[in-house]
Amino acid sequence: MAIRRKDTVLFEKPPVIAAWAAAGGKKEGEGPLASGFDFLTRDAAFPEEACANWEQAESLLQQKAAEACLRKAGISRKEVDLALAGDLQAQCTASNYTMRALEIPFAGIYGACSTMAETLALAASLAAGGAVQQVLAMTSSHFCAAERQFRTPLDYGAKRTPTAQWTATAAGACLLRAPGQAGVPVLSVTFGRVQDYEVHDINNMGAAMMPAAASTLLRYFAATGTAPADFDVIFTGDLGEVGSALLRQQMEQEGVPLPNHQDCGCLLYDVSTQNVQAGGSGPGCSAAVLCAHILPRLQAGEYRRVLFMATGALMSQTTFLQGESIPGIAHCVELAGEGTV
């Protein structure tokens, strides 16, 4: 049912993404993709839900995305065989508490900002192999929770550098089904390898993650015999403006230019007006762009074939303080327009 070519798995009978949903906060609701969201809140603290802290608010945001996805799929929680989810909080607590509420069989995943592509790739592999019939792939991030954990509490008022990116207050959820059903086909997945080019600047995630993006793309093209021209768009997420420029430069040097490249960190916000420095980041960034922008266009036939590749920086609060470099990883998912396979 699947063909393995080095790090890429091609599905002879593709599983499908049957439903999806995106949830976001105030800044996401002011961005260019606002109309594609299924749920937006004007206050990311969710005061109407009596959330005691940012961490609880992120879990609620992820729950909103999951519930909207299941509602669009027309199924109940009890009909889901498994949920794969992760986030940026220590020990993936936002996802843990979401699943406490949803009561769905759960496997926690940590891939930092690459989590949406990782959960999607794993879910597709399980669905294609017959291990599950209906599986959720989802992730989230929250600006305030991430800043408190990885950088400085917001009350500190630290000035952000031009290379810094804005962690999205957003969540995305996809319901995948076994082959032969209606939905957006997942043609292949490529699992990334950790790359470390000795970047130490925690405020420059784009530079830290770019080598992993280039590595995964080159290995995907070599394994499948494809080229950038075979795709309508090659999406990365989330390198931001700095990492995207570096990726295009690197791929040009490799002899594989990317004229059709777009980055989720540059799509979620209007970088020129929204004061997000180099663009968006966080697991919720690429998840929201996938569910609010990419999948609807595949469903509508605007795209026939795309690559969705999410990138992640794999450091922790502890390793950063110890002076460690920042390793990166990128996972790639090949998607087709609905009805094209």
Protein backbone atom coordinates (compact mmCIF):
# COMPACT_ATOMS: atom_id res chain seq x y z
CA MET A 1 0.00 0.00 0.00
CA ALA A 2 3.04 2.25 0.34
CA ILE A 3 6.39 2.51 -1.44
CA ARG A 4 9.47 3.58 0.51
CA ARG A 5 12.06 5.61 -1.41
CA LYS A 6 14.81 6.59 1.02
CA ASP A 7 13.18 9.05 3.45
CA THR A 8 9.98 9.40 1.39
CA VAL A 9 6.87 7.22 1.62
CA LEU A 10 4.61 7.25 -1.45
CA PHE A 11 1.04 6.03 -1.05
CA GLU A 12 -0.27 3.87 -3.89
CA LYS A 13 -3.75 4.39 -2.46
CA PRO A 14 -3.64 7.84 -0.89
CA PRO A 15 -5.37 8.56 2.41
CA VAL A 16 -7.37 11.79 2.40
CA ILE A 17 -7.84 14.89 4.52
CA ALA A 18 -11.60 14.86 4.85
CA ALA A 19 -12.09 17.96 7.01
CA TRP A 20 -10.05 20.72 8.58
CA ALA A 21 -10.44 23.81 10.76
CA ALA A 22 -8.35 26.77 11.92
CA ALA A 23 -8.72 28.84 15.10
CA GLY A 24 -6.88 32.07 15.86
CA GLY A 25 -6.53 35.17 17.99
CA LYS A 26 -6.80 38.91 17.50
CA LYS A 27 -3.69 39.45 15.36
CA GLU A 28 -4.58 36.49 13.16
CA GLY A 29 -8.05 37.98 12.74
CA GLU A 30 -6.44 41.19 11.50
CA GLY A 31 -4.24 39.40 8.98
CA PRO A 32 -4.78 38.61 5.28
CA LEU A 33 -6.09 35.07 5.93
CA ALA A 34 -8.75 36.04 8.49
CA SER A 35 -11.68 35.01 6.30
CA GLY A 36 -10.42 31.42 6.13
CA PHE A 37 -10.55 30.83 9.89
CA ASP A 38 -13.36 28.82 11.45
CA PHE A 39 -12.99 30.52 14.84
CA LEU A 40 -11.41 33.83 15.89
CA THR A 41 -11.29 35.47 19.30
CA ARG A 42 -10.67 39.16 20.00
CA ASP A 43 -9.11 38.34 23.38
CA ALA A 44 -6.54 35.53 23.45
CA ALA A 45 -6.98 35.23 27.23
CA PHE A 46 -10.53 33.88 26.71
CA PRO A 47 -11.99 35.84 29.65
CA GLU A 48 -15.48 34.59 28.79
CA GLU A 49 -14.23 31.06 29.49
CA ALA A 50 -12.63 32.09 32.81
CA CYS A 51 -9.15 30.93 31.75
CA ALA A 52 -6.69 31.45 34.57
CA ASN A 53 -3.58 31.74 32.38
CA TRP A 54 -2.20 31.75 28.83
CA GLU A 55 -1.54 28.03 28.89
CA GLN A 56 -5.19 27.22 29.54
CA ALA A 57 -6.16 29.64 26.77
CA GLU A 58 -3.98 27.80 24.25
CA SER A 59 -5.54 24.48 25.16
CA LEU A 60 -8.99 25.97 24.65
CA LEU A 61 -7.95 27.35 21.26
CA GLN A 62 -6.79 23.89 20.17
CA GLN A 63 -10.06 22.42 21.42
CA LYS A 64 -12.02 24.96 19.33
CA ALA A 65 -10.14 23.87 16.19
CA ALA A 66 -10.70 20.17 16.89
CA GLU A 67 -14.40 20.60 17.58
CA ALA A 68 -14.89 22.71 14.43
CA CYS A 69 -13.06 20.08 12.36
CA LEU A 70 -15.22 17.25 13.70
CA ARG A 71 -18.36 19.31 13.17
CA LYS A 72 -17.42 19.90 9.53
CA ALA A 73 -16.69 16.18 9.12
CA GLY A 74 -20.10 15.35 10.56
CA ILE A 75 -18.80 12.93 13.19
CA SER A 76 -18.60 12.77 16.97
CA ARG A 77 -15.48 12.47 19.11
CA LYS A 78 -16.28 8.82 19.76
CA GLU A 79 -15.85 8.01 16.08
CA VAL A 80 -12.21 9.16 16.02
CA ASP A 81 -9.73 6.29 16.35
CA LEU A 82 -6.74 8.38 17.38
CA ALA A 83 -5.53 11.96 17.76
CA LEU A 84 -1.95 13.05 17.11
CA ALA A 85 -1.18 16.46 18.58
CA GLY A 86 1.58 18.59 20.03
CA ASP A 87 2.51 22.15 20.90
CA LEU A 88 5.34 24.31 22.25
CA GLN A 89 4.49 24.11 25.94
CA ALA A 90 6.70 21.97 28.16
CA GLN A 91 5.66 18.31 27.82
CA CYS A 92 2.99 19.34 25.26
CA THR A 93 0.60 20.31 28.03
CA ALA A 94 -1.77 22.31 25.81
CA SER A 95 -2.46 19.15 23.81
CA ASN A 96 -2.62 16.99 26.94
CA TYR A 97 -5.33 19.15 28.45
CA THR A 98 -7.19 19.38 25.17
CA MET A 99 -7.35 15.60 25.02
CA ARG A 100 -8.44 15.45 28.62
CA ALA A 101 -11.51 17.36 27.49
CA LEU A 102 -12.06 15.51 24.20
CA GLU A 103 -11.48 11.98 25.58
CA ILE A 104 -10.03 10.69 22.30
CA PRO A 105 -7.20 8.10 22.17
CA PHE A 106 -4.10 10.27 22.03
CA ALA A 107 -0.43 10.13 21.04
CA GLY A 108 1.56 13.25 21.88
CA ILE A 109 4.00 14.55 19.26
CA TYR A 110 6.76 17.14 19.62
CA GLY A 111 8.28 18.66 16.54
CA ALA A 112 8.29 22.32 17.60
CA CYS A 113 7.09 24.43 14.66
CA SER A 114 7.21 21.35 12.38
CA THR A 115 4.48 19.61 14.40
CA MET A 116 1.63 20.11 11.89
CA ALA A 117 3.52 18.41 9.08
CA GLU A 118 4.76 15.70 11.44
CA THR A 119 1.31 14.82 12.80
CA LEU A 120 -0.10 14.96 9.25
CA ALA A 121 2.61 12.63 7.94
CA LEU A 122 2.17 10.13 10.76
CA ALA A 123 -1.63 10.24 10.50
CA ALA A 124 -1.49 9.66 6.74
CA SER A 125 0.85 6.70 7.22
CA LEU A 126 -1.44 5.13 9.81
CA ALA A 127 -4.55 5.69 7.68
CA ALA A 128 -2.90 4.33 4.53
CA GLY A 129 -1.76 1.23 6.38
CA GLY A 130 -5.19 0.47 7.79
CA ALA A 131 -4.24 1.03 11.43
CA VAL A 132 -6.93 3.72 11.75
CA GLN A 133 -10.02 4.73 9.81
CA GLN A 134 -10.36 8.28 11.16
CA VAL A 135 -7.47 10.14 12.80
CA LEU A 136 -7.00 13.74 13.92
CA ALA A 137 -3.73 15.59 13.22
CA MET A 138 -3.47 18.90 15.05
CA THR A 139 -1.30 21.44 16.83
CA SER A 140 -1.34 24.92 18.36
CA SER A 141 0.75 27.77 19.73
CA HIS A 142 0.08 30.91 21.75
CA PHE A 143 2.16 34.08 21.59
CA CYS A 144 1.99 34.87 25.31
CA ALA A 145 2.64 31.30 26.48
CA ALA A 146 5.60 30.92 24.12
CA GLU A 147 7.20 34.24 25.06
CA ARG A 148 6.98 33.38 28.76
CA GLN A 149 8.57 29.99 28.16
CA PHE A 150 11.28 30.71 25.61
CA ARG A 151 12.15 34.40 25.81
CA THR A 152 10.95 36.98 28.32
CA PRO A 153 7.58 37.54 30.02
CA LEU A 154 5.57 40.21 28.22
CA ASP A 155 5.59 42.44 31.31
CA TYR A 156 9.36 42.77 30.92
CA GLY A 157 8.87 44.84 27.78
CA ALA A 158 11.95 43.58 25.95
CA LYS A 159 12.58 45.03 22.49
CA ARG A 160 12.25 42.49 19.68
CA THR A 161 15.02 42.17 17.09
CA PRO A 162 14.34 42.56 13.33
CA THR A 163 15.05 38.84 12.78
CA ALA A 164 12.56 37.73 15.45
CA GLN A 165 9.25 36.16 14.48
CA TRP A 166 5.81 36.45 16.07
CA THR A 167 4.54 33.21 17.58
CA ALA A 168 1.02 32.71 16.21
CA THR A 169 -1.89 32.43 18.60
CA ALA A 170 -3.49 29.80 16.43
CA ALA A 171 -4.43 26.15 16.08
CA GLY A 172 -5.19 23.84 13.19
CA ALA A 173 -6.85 20.43 13.04
CA CYS A 174 -7.23 17.95 10.18
CA LEU A 175 -9.29 14.77 10.07
CA LEU A 176 -7.71 12.09 7.89
CA ARG A 177 -9.52 9.03 6.58
CA ALA A 178 -8.47 5.79 4.95
CA PRO A 179 -8.06 5.67 1.13
CA GLY A 180 -11.03 5.65 -1.19
CA GLN A 181 -13.06 8.40 0.46
CA ALA A 182 -13.75 12.04 -0.40
CA GLY A 183 -11.15 14.61 0.54
CA VAL A 184 -7.77 16.08 -0.32
CA PRO A 185 -5.38 13.19 -1.14
CA VAL A 186 -2.04 12.86 0.66
CA LEU A 187 0.27 11.51 -2.04
CA SER A 188 3.47 11.15 -0.06
CA VAL A 189 5.32 12.13 3.10
CA THR A 190 8.99 12.78 3.71
CA PHE A 191 10.33 12.60 7.24
CA GLY A 192 13.10 15.05 8.05
CA ARG A 193 16.57 14.58 9.43
CA VAL A 194 17.95 16.87 12.14
CA GLN A 195 20.31 19.52 10.76
CA ASP A 196 22.50 21.79 12.90
CA TYR A 197 24.50 24.60 11.34
CA GLU A 198 25.58 26.08 14.69
CA VAL A 199 23.06 28.92 14.90
CA HIS A 200 22.83 30.15 18.51
CA ASP A 201 20.52 33.18 18.18
CA ILE A 202 17.12 32.33 19.67
CA ASN A 203 15.73 35.43 17.95
CA ASN A 204 16.63 34.13 14.48
CA MET A 205 14.67 30.91 14.04
CA GLY A 206 14.56 31.34 10.27
CA ALA A 207 18.33 30.93 9.95
CA ALA A 208 18.33 27.97 12.34
CA MET A 209 15.60 26.08 10.47
CA MET A 210 16.56 26.85 6.87
CA PRO A 211 19.20 24.09 6.48
CA ALA A 212 16.62 21.47 7.47
CA ALA A 213 14.16 22.84 4.89
CA ALA A 214 16.77 22.69 2.14
CA SER A 215 17.86 19.20 3.18
CA THR A 216 14.35 17.75 3.16
CA LEU A 217 13.45 19.36 -0.17
CA LEU A 218 16.59 18.09 -1.86
CA ARG A 219 16.05 14.57 -0.54
CA TYR A 220 12.39 14.63 -1.62
CA PHE A 221 13.25 15.73 -5.16
CA ALA A 222 16.01 13.11 -5.42
CA ALA A 223 13.77 10.29 -4.16
CA THR A 224 10.79 11.11 -6.37
CA GLY A 225 12.48 12.43 -9.50
CA THR A 226 10.40 15.61 -9.31
CA ALA A 227 11.36 19.26 -9.61
CA PRO A 228 9.87 22.52 -8.28
CA ALA A 229 8.10 23.08 -11.61
CA ASP A 230 5.92 20.02 -10.93
CA PHE A 231 4.08 21.89 -8.16
CA ASP A 232 1.75 24.85 -8.10
CA VAL A 233 3.30 26.06 -4.85
CA ILE A 234 5.96 24.82 -2.45
CA PHE A 235 4.95 25.97 1.03
CA THR A 236 7.38 26.17 3.92
CA GLY A 237 6.45 27.04 7.45
CA ASP A 238 7.66 28.97 9.10
CA LEU A 239 10.94 30.42 8.00
CA GLY A 240 9.70 34.01 7.91
CA GLU A 241 11.30 36.63 5.71
CA VAL A 242 14.87 35.93 6.85
CA GLY A 243 14.75 32.14 6.54
CA SER A 244 12.81 32.27 3.27
CA ALA A 245 15.41 34.49 1.65
CA LEU A 246 18.16 32.18 2.87
CA LEU A 247 16.31 29.10 1.55
CA ARG A 248 15.86 30.58 -1.91
CA GLN A 249 19.53 31.54 -1.93
CA GLN A 250 20.63 28.08 -0.81
CA MET A 251 18.43 26.23 -3.30
CA GLU A 252 19.72 28.48 -6.09
CA GLN A 253 23.26 27.46 -5.15
CA GLU A 254 22.16 23.80 -5.19
CA GLY A 255 20.91 24.25 -8.76
CA VAL A 256 17.24 23.87 -7.72
CA PRO A 257 15.70 27.38 -7.72
CA LEU A 258 12.28 27.84 -6.09
CA PRO A 259 10.31 30.43 -8.08
CA ASN A 260 7.02 29.03 -6.68
CA HIS A 261 8.00 29.09 -3.00
CA GLN A 262 5.75 30.69 -0.35
CA ASP A 263 6.25 30.69 3.42
CA CYS A 264 3.47 30.34 5.99
CA GLY A 265 5.25 32.80 8.28
CA CYS A 266 4.94 35.44 5.56
CA LEU A 267 1.34 34.56 4.61
CA LEU A 268 -0.38 34.59 8.00
CA TYR A 269 0.34 38.27 8.70
CA ASP A 270 0.90 41.45 6.72
CA VAL A 271 4.54 41.95 7.66
CA SER A 272 4.48 45.57 6.41
CA THR A 273 1.67 46.68 8.74
CA GLN A 274 1.28 44.23 11.63
CA ASN A 275 4.56 44.71 13.52
CA VAL A 276 5.55 41.04 13.50
CA GLN A 277 9.20 41.69 12.60
CA ALA A 278 10.29 38.87 10.24
CA GLY A 279 6.88 37.16 10.14
CA GLY A 280 4.96 34.45 11.93
CA SER A 281 6.18 31.34 13.72
CA GLY A 282 5.01 28.63 16.12
CA PRO A 283 3.28 25.32 15.34
CA GLY A 284 -0.03 27.14 15.00
CA CYS A 285 1.33 29.32 12.18
CA SER A 286 1.75 26.64 9.51
CA ALA A 287 -1.27 24.75 10.88
CA ALA A 288 -3.51 27.80 10.46
CA VAL A 289 -2.19 28.56 6.98
CA LEU A 290 -2.72 24.93 5.96
CA CYS A 291 -6.32 24.88 7.19
CA ALA A 292 -7.35 28.44 6.32
CA HIS A 293 -5.54 28.87 3.02
CA ILE A 294 -3.94 25.79 1.42
CA LEU A 295 -6.55 23.05 1.89
CA PRO A 296 -9.52 25.20 0.80
CA ARG A 297 -7.70 25.97 -2.45
CA LEU A 298 -6.89 22.33 -3.04
CA GLN A 299 -10.53 21.49 -2.44
CA ALA A 300 -11.68 24.20 -4.85
CA GLY A 301 -9.28 23.10 -7.58
CA GLU A 302 -7.16 26.27 -7.51
CA TYR A 303 -4.15 24.07 -6.75
CA ARG A 304 -3.59 20.64 -8.26
CA ARG A 305 -0.38 19.65 -6.49
CA VAL A 306 1.54 21.30 -3.64
CA LEU A 307 4.23 20.54 -1.10
CA PHE A 308 3.54 21.49 2.51
CA MET A 309 6.71 21.46 4.58
CA ALA A 310 6.78 22.66 8.18
CA THR A 311 10.09 23.43 9.88
CA GLY A 312 10.97 23.26 13.57
CA ALA A 313 13.74 24.49 15.87
CA LEU A 314 14.43 21.72 18.37
CA MET A 315 16.02 23.60 21.28
CA SER A 316 14.58 23.87 24.80
CA GLN A 317 14.73 26.54 27.50
CA THR A 318 17.49 24.56 29.19
CA THR A 319 19.70 23.87 26.16
CA PHE A 320 19.50 27.52 25.09
CA LEU A 321 20.67 28.70 28.51
CA GLN A 322 23.48 26.14 28.38
CA GLY A 323 24.78 27.75 25.18
CA GLU A 324 23.84 24.89 22.87
CA SER A 325 23.26 25.52 19.17
CA ILE A 326 19.77 25.24 17.68
CA PRO A 327 19.08 22.08 15.61
CA GLY A 328 16.33 22.16 13.02
CA ILE A 329 14.07 19.66 11.28
CA ALA A 330 11.58 19.76 8.41
CA HIS A 331 8.86 17.27 7.46
CA CYS A 332 7.21 17.38 4.04
CA VAL A 333 3.71 16.34 2.91
CA GLU A 334 2.67 16.16 -0.75
CA LEU A 335 -0.97 17.09 -1.35
CA ALA A 336 -3.17 16.91 -4.44
CA GLY A 337 -6.31 18.74 -5.42
CA GLU A 338 -9.53 17.02 -4.41
CA GLY A 339 -10.72 14.73 -7.18
CA THR A 340 -7.43 14.76 -9.09
CA VAL A 341 -6.34 11.28 -7.98
